[in-house]
């Protein structure tokens, strides 16, 4: 696996984790959106 592929994979995972956290904690979402 090349570094470019690994970097892209890490980026996709980071975005996915962020999305899961936002959808899993709707009470915190307005605070993060305001900030």
PDB file of N, CA and C in Angstrom:
ATOM      1  N   UNK A   1       0.856  -1.205   0.000  1.00  0.00           N
ATOM      2  CA  UNK A   1       0.000   0.000   0.000  1.00  0.00           C
ATOM      3  C   UNK A   1       0.889   1.252   0.000  1.00  0.00           C
ATOM      4  N   UNK A   2       0.573   2.203  -0.832  1.00  0.00           N
ATOM      5  CA  UNK A   2       1.375   3.423  -0.908  1.00  0.00           C
ATOM      6  C   UNK A   2       0.981   4.395   0.200  1.00  0.00           C
ATOM      7  N   UNK A   3       1.829   5.372   0.431  1.00  0.00           N
ATOM      8  CA  UNK A   3       1.523   6.346   1.482  1.00  0.00           C
ATOM      9  C   UNK A   3       0.295   7.167   1.121  1.00  0.00           C
ATOM     10  N   UNK A   4       0.146   7.444  -0.169  1.00  0.00           N
ATOM     11  CA  UNK A   4      -1.026   8.219  -0.601  1.00  0.00           C
ATOM     12  C   UNK A   4      -2.306   7.456  -0.289  1.00  0.00           C
ATOM     13  N   UNK A   5      -2.301   6.152  -0.562  1.00  0.00           N
ATOM     14  CA  UNK A   5      -3.480   5.329  -0.288  1.00  0.00           C
ATOM     15  C   UNK A   5      -3.748   5.278   1.206  1.00  0.00           C
ATOM     16  N   UNK A   6      -2.683   5.133   1.990  1.00  0.00           N
ATOM     17  CA  UNK A   6      -2.834   5.062   3.444  1.00  0.00           C
ATOM     18  C   UNK A   6      -3.378   6.377   3.986  1.00  0.00           C
ATOM     19  N   UNK A   7      -2.877   7.491   3.471  1.00  0.00           N
ATOM     20  CA  UNK A   7      -3.343   8.804   3.915  1.00  0.00           C
ATOM     21  C   UNK A   7      -4.814   8.995   3.577  1.00  0.00           C
ATOM     22  N   UNK A   8      -5.209   8.565   2.378  1.00  0.00           N
ATOM     23  CA  UNK A   8      -6.619   8.684   1.983  1.00  0.00           C
ATOM     24  C   UNK A   8      -7.489   7.824   2.887  1.00  0.00           C
ATOM     25  N   UNK A   9      -7.008   6.619   3.216  1.00  0.00           N
ATOM     26  CA  UNK A   9      -7.768   5.710   4.071  1.00  0.00           C
ATOM     27  C   UNK A   9      -7.957   6.318   5.456  1.00  0.00           C
ATOM     28  N   UNK A  10      -6.889   6.898   6.000  1.00  0.00           N
ATOM     29  CA  UNK A  10      -6.973   7.540   7.316  1.00  0.00           C
ATOM     30  C   UNK A  10      -7.964   8.691   7.284  1.00  0.00           C
ATOM     31  N   UNK A  11      -7.954   9.461   6.205  1.00  0.00           N
ATOM     32  CA  UNK A  11      -8.879  10.591   6.081  1.00  0.00           C
ATOM     33  C   UNK A  11     -10.318  10.131   6.043  1.00  0.00           C
ATOM     34  N   UNK A  12     -10.585   9.072   5.282  1.00  0.00           N
ATOM     35  CA  UNK A  12     -11.952   8.546   5.188  1.00  0.00           C
ATOM     36  C   UNK A  12     -12.409   8.021   6.543  1.00  0.00           C
ATOM     37  N   UNK A  13     -11.532   7.319   7.243  1.00  0.00           N
ATOM     38  CA  UNK A  13     -11.875   6.776   8.564  1.00  0.00           C
ATOM     39  C   UNK A  13     -12.164   7.913   9.541  1.00  0.00           C
ATOM     40  N   UNK A  14     -11.353   8.967   9.510  1.00  0.00           N
ATOM     41  CA  UNK A  14     -11.546  10.096  10.411  1.00  0.00           C
ATOM     42  C   UNK A  14     -12.896  10.758  10.160  1.00  0.00           C
ATOM     43  N   UNK A  15     -13.253  10.946   8.889  1.00  0.00           N
ATOM     44  CA  UNK A  15     -14.539  11.558   8.547  1.00  0.00           C
ATOM     45  C   UNK A  15     -15.688  10.656   8.984  1.00  0.00           C
ATOM     46  N   UNK A  16     -15.522   9.351   8.784  1.00  0.00           N
ATOM     47  CA  UNK A  16     -16.568   8.395   9.157  1.00  0.00           C
ATOM     48  C   UNK A  16     -16.790   8.401  10.665  1.00  0.00           C
ATOM     49  N   UNK A  17     -15.702   8.390  11.425  1.00  0.00           N
ATOM     50  CA  UNK A  17     -15.808   8.405  12.888  1.00  0.00           C
ATOM     51  C   UNK A  17     -16.483   9.688  13.350  1.00  0.00           C
ATOM     52  N   UNK A  18     -16.105  10.817  12.748  1.00  0.00           N
ATOM     53  CA  UNK A  18     -16.722  12.097  13.115  1.00  0.00           C
ATOM     54  C   UNK A  18     -18.221  12.077  12.847  1.00  0.00           C
ATOM     55  N   UNK A  19     -18.616  11.539  11.691  1.00  0.00           N
ATOM     56  CA  UNK A  19     -20.034  11.461  11.335  1.00  0.00           C
ATOM     57  C   UNK A  19     -20.783  10.567  12.311  1.00  0.00           C
ATOM     58  N   UNK A  20     -20.195   9.434  12.671  1.00  0.00           N
ATOM     59  CA  UNK A  20     -20.840   8.508  13.617  1.00  0.00           C
ATOM     60  C   UNK A  20     -21.030   9.185  14.969  1.00  0.00           C
ATOM     61  N   UNK A  21     -20.019   9.920  15.422  1.00  0.00           N
ATOM     62  CA  UNK A  21     -20.122  10.608  16.718  1.00  0.00           C
ATOM     63  C   UNK A  21     -21.240  11.646  16.673  1.00  0.00           C
ATOM     64  N   UNK A  22     -21.314  12.413  15.579  1.00  0.00           N
ATOM     65  CA  UNK A  22     -22.346  13.445  15.462  1.00  0.00           C
ATOM     66  C   UNK A  22     -23.741  12.827  15.466  1.00  0.00           C
ATOM     67  N   UNK A  23     -23.912  11.717  14.737  1.00  0.00           N
ATOM     68  CA  UNK A  23     -25.229  11.080  14.663  1.00  0.00           C
ATOM     69  C   UNK A  23     -25.550  10.329  15.951  1.00  0.00           C
ATOM     70  N   UNK A  24     -24.519   9.887  16.682  1.00  0.00           N
ATOM     71  CA  UNK A  24     -24.742   9.113  17.904  1.00  0.00           C
ATOM     72  C   UNK A  24     -25.062  10.020  19.092  1.00  0.00           C
ATOM     73  N   UNK A  25     -24.623  11.275  19.015  1.00  0.00           N
ATOM     74  CA  UNK A  25     -24.859  12.194  20.132  1.00  0.00           C
ATOM     75  C   UNK A  25     -25.584  13.442  19.641  1.00  0.00           C
ATOM     76  N   UNK A  26     -26.892  13.343  19.348  1.00  0.00           N
ATOM     77  CA  UNK A  26     -27.649  14.484  18.818  1.00  0.00           C
ATOM     78  C   UNK A  26     -27.701  15.659  19.784  1.00  0.00           C
ATOM     79  N   UNK A  27     -27.531  15.406  21.073  1.00  0.00           N
ATOM     80  CA  UNK A  27     -27.581  16.482  22.057  1.00  0.00           C
ATOM     81  C   UNK A  27     -26.354  17.383  21.930  1.00  0.00           C
ATOM     82  N   UNK A  28     -25.247  16.828  21.456  1.00  0.00           N
ATOM     83  CA  UNK A  28     -24.005  17.588  21.348  1.00  0.00           C
ATOM     84  C   UNK A  28     -23.898  18.282  19.991  1.00  0.00           C
ATOM     85  N   UNK A  29     -24.634  17.786  19.006  1.00  0.00           N
ATOM     86  CA  UNK A  29     -24.551  18.322  17.649  1.00  0.00           C
ATOM     87  C   UNK A  29     -24.820  19.832  17.573  1.00  0.00           C
ATOM     88  N   UNK A  30     -25.863  20.372  18.203  1.00  0.00           N
ATOM     89  CA  UNK A  30     -26.096  21.828  18.137  1.00  0.00           C
ATOM     90  C   UNK A  30     -24.929  22.629  18.705  1.00  0.00           C
ATOM     91  N   UNK A  31     -24.282  22.100  19.738  1.00  0.00           N
ATOM     92  CA  UNK A  31     -23.153  22.799  20.351  1.00  0.00           C
ATOM     93  C   UNK A  31     -21.979  22.839  19.373  1.00  0.00           C
ATOM     94  N   UNK A  32     -21.695  21.698  18.733  1.00  0.00           N
ATOM     95  CA  UNK A  32     -20.586  21.645  17.777  1.00  0.00           C
ATOM     96  C   UNK A  32     -20.887  22.507  16.561  1.00  0.00           C
ATOM     97  N   UNK A  33     -22.147  22.529  16.141  1.00  0.00           N
ATOM     98  CA  UNK A  33     -22.535  23.325  14.977  1.00  0.00           C
ATOM     99  C   UNK A  33     -22.397  24.818  15.281  1.00  0.00           C
ATOM    100  N   UNK A  34     -22.781  25.226  16.500  1.00  0.00           N
ATOM    101  CA  UNK A  34     -22.694  26.628  16.885  1.00  0.00           C
ATOM    102  C   UNK A  34     -21.224  27.043  17.000  1.00  0.00           C
ATOM    103  N   UNK A  35     -20.386  26.109  17.462  1.00  0.00           N
ATOM    104  CA  UNK A  35     -18.969  26.413  17.635  1.00  0.00           C
ATOM    105  C   UNK A  35     -18.240  26.233  16.305  1.00  0.00           C
TER     106      UNK A  35
END
